[in-house]
Amino acid sequence: MLRIAALALASSALLAFPAMAQDSTPMPTDKPANAPSDGMKSGMQNNMEPVTVEMKSADGGSAGTVTVTPTPHGLLLKADLTNIADGEHGFHVHETGVCEGDFTSAGGHYNPTDKDHGYMAEGGYHAGDMPNFTATNGAATFETLAPALTLTGGDAPLNDADGSAIMVHGGADDYTSQPSGDAGERVACGVVYSAQ
């Protein structure tokens, strides 16, 4: 009796396979059909060289460098900063490639997709928002990834009509306050691409 039941079960399973093979329903994938492709972002940047940004302080002195390297997942920024006060500092990409005077010439945070500021904001974050860093003994060396940014192409290219700049603020970004995180004065600035 058990043998007959087992054969019947096996036969019904075999009969089900052809029906499954004819089913044209697409198999689920990890990404929705309209999700952006990392390959597209990669293709736009693959043949681009890293950009080294010279940072300067408000008095015109050197504040080190930031090397911006394109990756398939956004821009990798490697900072080697000097002449920066000890403590925590906001670090952003700003919307205009001009670093003059008190650096208000660089405009606000780079935000081409019109989002709220800050990682903690429900409607955030700006494409140019990046994590705070801490300076010790007047210097800081760190790396951070900016996944929303590209050098060229896509929704947030740094090489657009008005260029872009990297900014260091005197205090920490609180990741919440609008429109710029209450990070204080602009203490170092570097042009990535000049305004055209």
C-alpha atoms as a PDB file:
ATOM      1  CA  MET A   1       0.000   0.000   0.000  1.00  0.00           C
ATOM      2  CA  LEU A   2       2.817   2.387   0.881  1.00  0.00           C
ATOM      3  CA  ARG A   3       4.602   1.482  -2.369  1.00  0.00           C
ATOM      4  CA  ILE A   4       1.479   2.356  -4.428  1.00  0.00           C
ATOM      5  CA  ALA A   5       1.056   5.713  -2.627  1.00  0.00           C
ATOM      6  CA  ALA A   6       4.725   6.590  -3.234  1.00  0.00           C
ATOM      7  CA  LEU A   7       4.438   5.758  -6.969  1.00  0.00           C
ATOM      8  CA  ALA A   8       1.296   7.891  -7.276  1.00  0.00           C
ATOM      9  CA  LEU A   9       3.029  10.837  -5.593  1.00  0.00           C
ATOM     10  CA  ALA A  10       6.093  10.542  -7.858  1.00  0.00           C
ATOM     11  CA  SER A  11       3.892  10.359 -10.973  1.00  0.00           C
ATOM     12  CA  SER A  12       1.957  13.506 -10.015  1.00  0.00           C
ATOM     13  CA  ALA A  13       5.247  15.391  -9.369  1.00  0.00           C
ATOM     14  CA  LEU A  14       6.588  14.392 -12.816  1.00  0.00           C
ATOM     15  CA  LEU A  15       3.383  15.529 -14.479  1.00  0.00           C
ATOM     16  CA  ALA A  16       3.695  18.951 -12.779  1.00  0.00           C
ATOM     17  CA  PHE A  17       7.153  19.705 -14.265  1.00  0.00           C
ATOM     18  CA  PRO A  18       6.071  20.279 -17.901  1.00  0.00           C
ATOM     19  CA  ALA A  19       3.402  22.712 -16.718  1.00  0.00           C
ATOM     20  CA  MET A  20       6.020  24.633 -14.728  1.00  0.00           C
ATOM     21  CA  ALA A  21       8.344  24.740 -17.731  1.00  0.00           C
ATOM     22  CA  GLN A  22       5.558  26.274 -19.867  1.00  0.00           C
ATOM     23  CA  ASP A  23       4.768  28.968 -17.285  1.00  0.00           C
ATOM     24  CA  SER A  24       5.920  32.313 -18.722  1.00  0.00           C
ATOM     25  CA  THR A  25       5.855  34.173 -15.401  1.00  0.00           C
ATOM     26  CA  PRO A  26       9.278  35.817 -14.921  1.00  0.00           C
ATOM     27  CA  MET A  27      11.330  34.647 -11.990  1.00  0.00           C
ATOM     28  CA  PRO A  28      11.780  37.255  -9.233  1.00  0.00           C
ATOM     29  CA  THR A  29      15.102  39.102  -9.219  1.00  0.00           C
ATOM     30  CA  ASP A  30      17.023  40.970  -6.548  1.00  0.00           C
ATOM     31  CA  LYS A  31      16.495  44.307  -8.354  1.00  0.00           C
ATOM     32  CA  PRO A  32      13.285  45.856  -9.678  1.00  0.00           C
ATOM     33  CA  ALA A  33      13.176  46.185 -13.472  1.00  0.00           C
ATOM     34  CA  ASN A  34      13.584  49.960 -13.294  1.00  0.00           C
ATOM     35  CA  ALA A  35      16.494  49.947 -10.811  1.00  0.00           C
ATOM     36  CA  PRO A  36      19.592  51.852 -11.933  1.00  0.00           C
ATOM     37  CA  SER A  37      22.416  49.637 -13.088  1.00  0.00           C
ATOM     38  CA  ASP A  38      25.843  49.879 -11.461  1.00  0.00           C
ATOM     39  CA  GLY A  39      27.147  48.985 -14.890  1.00  0.00           C
ATOM     40  CA  MET A  40      25.732  52.206 -16.348  1.00  0.00           C
ATOM     41  CA  LYS A  41      27.465  54.301 -13.714  1.00  0.00           C
ATOM     42  CA  SER A  42      30.634  52.277 -14.192  1.00  0.00           C
ATOM     43  CA  GLY A  43      30.526  52.700 -17.964  1.00  0.00           C
ATOM     44  CA  MET A  44      30.315  56.460 -17.619  1.00  0.00           C
ATOM     45  CA  GLN A  45      33.413  56.565 -15.436  1.00  0.00           C
ATOM     46  CA  ASN A  46      35.558  53.521 -16.245  1.00  0.00           C
ATOM     47  CA  ASN A  47      38.016  55.374 -18.475  1.00  0.00           C
ATOM     48  CA  MET A  48      38.295  58.452 -16.239  1.00  0.00           C
ATOM     49  CA  GLU A  49      41.402  59.194 -14.213  1.00  0.00           C
ATOM     50  CA  PRO A  50      41.259  60.253 -10.537  1.00  0.00           C
ATOM     51  CA  VAL A  51      41.100  63.994  -9.873  1.00  0.00           C
ATOM     52  CA  THR A  52      43.380  65.501  -7.213  1.00  0.00           C
ATOM     53  CA  VAL A  53      41.840  68.525  -5.506  1.00  0.00           C
ATOM     54  CA  GLU A  54      44.101  71.090  -3.838  1.00  0.00           C
ATOM     55  CA  MET A  55      42.447  72.270  -0.624  1.00  0.00           C
ATOM     56  CA  LYS A  56      43.128  75.762   0.716  1.00  0.00           C
ATOM     57  CA  SER A  57      42.280  77.478   3.973  1.00  0.00           C
ATOM     58  CA  ALA A  58      40.485  80.835   4.219  1.00  0.00           C
ATOM     59  CA  ASP A  59      43.856  82.631   4.609  1.00  0.00           C
ATOM     60  CA  GLY A  60      45.026  81.141   1.307  1.00  0.00           C
ATOM     61  CA  GLY A  61      47.369  78.564   2.834  1.00  0.00           C
ATOM     62  CA  SER A  62      47.473  74.903   1.888  1.00  0.00           C
ATOM     63  CA  ALA A  63      45.009  72.581   3.620  1.00  0.00           C
ATOM     64  CA  GLY A  64      46.152  69.383   1.898  1.00  0.00           C
ATOM     65  CA  THR A  65      44.548  67.365  -0.886  1.00  0.00           C
ATOM     66  CA  VAL A  66      41.531  65.194  -1.671  1.00  0.00           C
ATOM     67  CA  THR A  67      41.843  62.578  -4.427  1.00  0.00           C
ATOM     68  CA  VAL A  68      38.538  61.758  -6.105  1.00  0.00           C
ATOM     69  CA  THR A  69      38.477  58.346  -7.806  1.00  0.00           C
ATOM     70  CA  PRO A  70      35.564  57.063  -9.922  1.00  0.00           C
ATOM     71  CA  THR A  71      34.301  53.556  -9.101  1.00  0.00           C
ATOM     72  CA  PRO A  72      31.333  51.486 -10.339  1.00  0.00           C
ATOM     73  CA  HIS A  73      29.558  52.475  -7.095  1.00  0.00           C
ATOM     74  CA  GLY A  74      30.115  56.241  -6.881  1.00  0.00           C
ATOM     75  CA  LEU A  75      33.131  58.375  -6.049  1.00  0.00           C
ATOM     76  CA  LEU A  76      35.824  57.345  -3.583  1.00  0.00           C
ATOM     77  CA  LEU A  77      37.385  60.346  -1.849  1.00  0.00           C
ATOM     78  CA  LYS A  78      40.756  59.982  -0.138  1.00  0.00           C
ATOM     79  CA  ALA A  79      41.569  63.019   1.998  1.00  0.00           C
ATOM     80  CA  ASP A  80      44.982  64.007   3.304  1.00  0.00           C
ATOM     81  CA  LEU A  81      44.206  67.262   5.113  1.00  0.00           C
ATOM     82  CA  THR A  82      46.555  69.605   6.998  1.00  0.00           C
ATOM     83  CA  ASN A  83      46.223  72.870   8.931  1.00  0.00           C
ATOM     84  CA  ILE A  84      42.778  71.833  10.197  1.00  0.00           C
ATOM     85  CA  ALA A  85      41.767  72.545  13.818  1.00  0.00           C
ATOM     86  CA  ASP A  86      41.488  69.473  16.020  1.00  0.00           C
ATOM     87  CA  GLY A  87      38.001  68.055  16.451  1.00  0.00           C
ATOM     88  CA  GLU A  88      35.068  66.921  14.331  1.00  0.00           C
ATOM     89  CA  HIS A  89      34.319  68.577  10.991  1.00  0.00           C
ATOM     90  CA  GLY A  90      31.594  68.519   8.349  1.00  0.00           C
ATOM     91  CA  PHE A  91      32.750  67.406   4.891  1.00  0.00           C
ATOM     92  CA  HIS A  92      30.653  68.031   1.770  1.00  0.00           C
ATOM     93  CA  VAL A  93      30.655  68.604  -1.954  1.00  0.00           C
ATOM     94  CA  HIS A  94      29.308  72.083  -2.755  1.00  0.00           C
ATOM     95  CA  GLU A  95      27.450  73.137  -5.876  1.00  0.00           C
ATOM     96  CA  THR A  96      29.824  75.673  -7.480  1.00  0.00           C
ATOM     97  CA  GLY A  97      33.470  75.294  -8.471  1.00  0.00           C
ATOM     98  CA  VAL A  98      34.708  78.588  -6.967  1.00  0.00           C
ATOM     99  CA  CYS A  99      36.688  78.910  -3.692  1.00  0.00           C
ATOM    100  CA  GLU A 100      37.126  82.623  -2.951  1.00  0.00           C
ATOM    101  CA  GLY A 101      37.011  84.792   0.187  1.00  0.00           C
ATOM    102  CA  ASP A 102      35.035  83.073   2.951  1.00  0.00           C
ATOM    103  CA  PHE A 103      34.096  80.319   0.469  1.00  0.00           C
ATOM    104  CA  THR A 104      30.436  81.316   0.186  1.00  0.00           C
ATOM    105  CA  SER A 105      31.339  81.504  -3.522  1.00  0.00           C
ATOM    106  CA  ALA A 106      31.001  77.693  -3.582  1.00  0.00           C
ATOM    107  CA  GLY A 107      27.256  77.944  -2.942  1.00  0.00           C
ATOM    108  CA  GLY A 108      25.314  75.373  -0.938  1.00  0.00           C
ATOM    109  CA  HIS A 109      25.613  71.611  -0.735  1.00  0.00           C
ATOM    110  CA  TYR A 110      25.485  69.852  -4.092  1.00  0.00           C
ATOM    111  CA  ASN A 111      21.865  68.723  -4.339  1.00  0.00           C
ATOM    112  CA  PRO A 112      20.781  68.232  -7.971  1.00  0.00           C
ATOM    113  CA  THR A 113      17.993  65.797  -7.010  1.00  0.00           C
ATOM    114  CA  ASP A 114      16.410  68.315  -4.589  1.00  0.00           C
ATOM    115  CA  LYS A 115      16.456  66.229  -1.403  1.00  0.00           C
ATOM    116  CA  ASP A 116      16.528  67.283   2.250  1.00  0.00           C
ATOM    117  CA  HIS A 117      19.891  67.562   3.978  1.00  0.00           C
ATOM    118  CA  GLY A 118      21.326  64.868   6.186  1.00  0.00           C
ATOM    119  CA  TYR A 119      21.578  61.133   6.684  1.00  0.00           C
ATOM    120  CA  MET A 120      19.029  61.303   9.501  1.00  0.00           C
ATOM    121  CA  ALA A 121      16.433  63.250   7.494  1.00  0.00           C
ATOM    122  CA  GLU A 122      13.563  61.147   6.156  1.00  0.00           C
ATOM    123  CA  GLY A 123      13.664  63.047   2.842  1.00  0.00           C
ATOM    124  CA  GLY A 124      17.475  63.097   2.658  1.00  0.00           C
ATOM    125  CA  TYR A 125      20.259  63.097   1.787  1.00  0.00           C
ATOM    126  CA  HIS A 126      22.026  65.558  -0.552  1.00  0.00           C
ATOM    127  CA  ALA A 127      24.242  63.944  -3.188  1.00  0.00           C
ATOM    128  CA  GLY A 128      27.088  66.036  -1.742  1.00  0.00           C
ATOM    129  CA  ASP A 129      26.555  64.978   1.897  1.00  0.00           C
ATOM    130  CA  MET A 130      29.372  62.909   3.376  1.00  0.00           C
ATOM    131  CA  PRO A 131      30.250  61.711   6.893  1.00  0.00           C
ATOM    132  CA  ASN A 132      32.067  63.904   9.408  1.00  0.00           C
ATOM    133  CA  PHE A 133      35.747  63.348  10.072  1.00  0.00           C
ATOM    134  CA  THR A 134      37.986  64.064  13.068  1.00  0.00           C
ATOM    135  CA  ALA A 135      41.263  65.982  12.878  1.00  0.00           C
ATOM    136  CA  THR A 136      44.072  65.291  15.355  1.00  0.00           C
ATOM    137  CA  ASN A 137      47.255  67.324  15.701  1.00  0.00           C
ATOM    138  CA  GLY A 138      46.063  69.596  12.883  1.00  0.00           C
ATOM    139  CA  ALA A 139      45.661  66.815  10.306  1.00  0.00           C
ATOM    140  CA  ALA A 140      43.288  64.132   9.084  1.00  0.00           C
ATOM    141  CA  THR A 141      43.683  61.237   6.664  1.00  0.00           C
ATOM    142  CA  PHE A 142      40.601  59.226   5.715  1.00  0.00           C
ATOM    143  CA  GLU A 143      38.577  57.723   2.866  1.00  0.00           C
ATOM    144  CA  THR A 144      34.851  57.923   2.215  1.00  0.00           C
ATOM    145  CA  LEU A 145      32.516  56.793  -0.566  1.00  0.00           C
ATOM    146  CA  ALA A 146      29.939  59.188  -2.066  1.00  0.00           C
ATOM    147  CA  PRO A 147      27.587  56.712  -3.782  1.00  0.00           C
ATOM    148  CA  ALA A 148      25.291  59.311  -5.392  1.00  0.00           C
ATOM    149  CA  LEU A 149      28.085  61.160  -7.215  1.00  0.00           C
ATOM    150  CA  THR A 150      29.843  60.685 -10.559  1.00  0.00           C
ATOM    151  CA  LEU A 151      32.554  62.706 -12.253  1.00  0.00           C
ATOM    152  CA  THR A 152      30.406  62.963 -15.380  1.00  0.00           C
ATOM    153  CA  GLY A 153      26.999  61.645 -16.466  1.00  0.00           C
ATOM    154  CA  GLY A 154      24.121  60.430 -14.318  1.00  0.00           C
ATOM    155  CA  ASP A 155      21.959  62.466 -11.933  1.00  0.00           C
ATOM    156  CA  ALA A 156      24.768  64.064  -9.918  1.00  0.00           C
ATOM    157  CA  PRO A 157      27.894  64.734 -12.022  1.00  0.00           C
ATOM    158  CA  LEU A 158      30.575  66.965 -10.514  1.00  0.00           C
ATOM    159  CA  ASN A 159      31.638  68.199 -13.952  1.00  0.00           C
ATOM    160  CA  ASP A 160      28.476  70.168 -14.733  1.00  0.00           C
ATOM    161  CA  ALA A 161      27.985  73.762 -15.955  1.00  0.00           C
ATOM    162  CA  ASP A 162      28.869  75.436 -12.649  1.00  0.00           C
ATOM    163  CA  GLY A 163      31.485  72.915 -11.522  1.00  0.00           C
ATOM    164  CA  SER A 164      31.838  71.722  -7.922  1.00  0.00           C
ATOM    165  CA  ALA A 165      33.953  72.134  -4.801  1.00  0.00           C
ATOM    166  CA  ILE A 166      34.870  70.116  -1.717  1.00  0.00           C
ATOM    167  CA  MET A 167      34.287  71.905   1.591  1.00  0.00           C
ATOM    168  CA  VAL A 168      35.491  71.412   5.172  1.00  0.00           C
ATOM    169  CA  HIS A 169      33.419  73.081   7.888  1.00  0.00           C
ATOM    170  CA  GLY A 170      34.569  74.318  11.276  1.00  0.00           C
ATOM    171  CA  GLY A 171      32.165  72.089  13.196  1.00  0.00           C
ATOM    172  CA  ALA A 172      30.400  68.753  12.864  1.00  0.00           C
ATOM    173  CA  ASP A 173      27.385  68.190  10.634  1.00  0.00           C
ATOM    174  CA  ASP A 174      24.425  67.115  12.795  1.00  0.00           C
ATOM    175  CA  TYR A 175      22.974  65.158   9.815  1.00  0.00           C
ATOM    176  CA  THR A 176      19.539  66.659  10.453  1.00  0.00           C
ATOM    177  CA  SER A 177      19.350  70.487  10.383  1.00  0.00           C
ATOM    178  CA  GLN A 178      18.147  72.123   7.176  1.00  0.00           C
ATOM    179  CA  PRO A 179      19.549  73.161   4.829  1.00  0.00           C
ATOM    180  CA  SER A 180      23.140  72.254   5.687  1.00  0.00           C
ATOM    181  CA  GLY A 181      23.576  70.465   9.010  1.00  0.00           C
ATOM    182  CA  ASP A 182      24.601  73.459  11.174  1.00  0.00           C
ATOM    183  CA  ALA A 183      28.284  72.624  10.610  1.00  0.00           C
ATOM    184  CA  GLY A 184      29.577  76.162  11.072  1.00  0.00           C
ATOM    185  CA  GLU A 185      31.960  78.302   9.056  1.00  0.00           C
ATOM    186  CA  ARG A 186      33.748  77.104   5.935  1.00  0.00           C
ATOM    187  CA  VAL A 187      37.388  76.542   6.842  1.00  0.00           C
ATOM    188  CA  ALA A 188      38.849  74.815   3.771  1.00  0.00           C
ATOM    189  CA  CYS A 189      37.772  74.585   0.145  1.00  0.00           C
ATOM    190  CA  GLY A 190      39.025  72.958  -3.058  1.00  0.00           C
ATOM    191  CA  VAL A 191      37.742  73.184  -6.625  1.00  0.00           C
ATOM    192  CA  VAL A 192      37.014  69.808  -8.231  1.00  0.00           C
ATOM    193  CA  TYR A 193      35.831  71.325 -11.532  1.00  0.00           C
ATOM    194  CA  SER A 194      35.742  75.068 -12.214  1.00  0.00           C
ATOM    195  CA  ALA A 195      32.531  76.826 -13.121  1.00  0.00           C
ATOM    196  CA  GLN A 196      32.346  76.993 -16.942  1.00  0.00           C
END
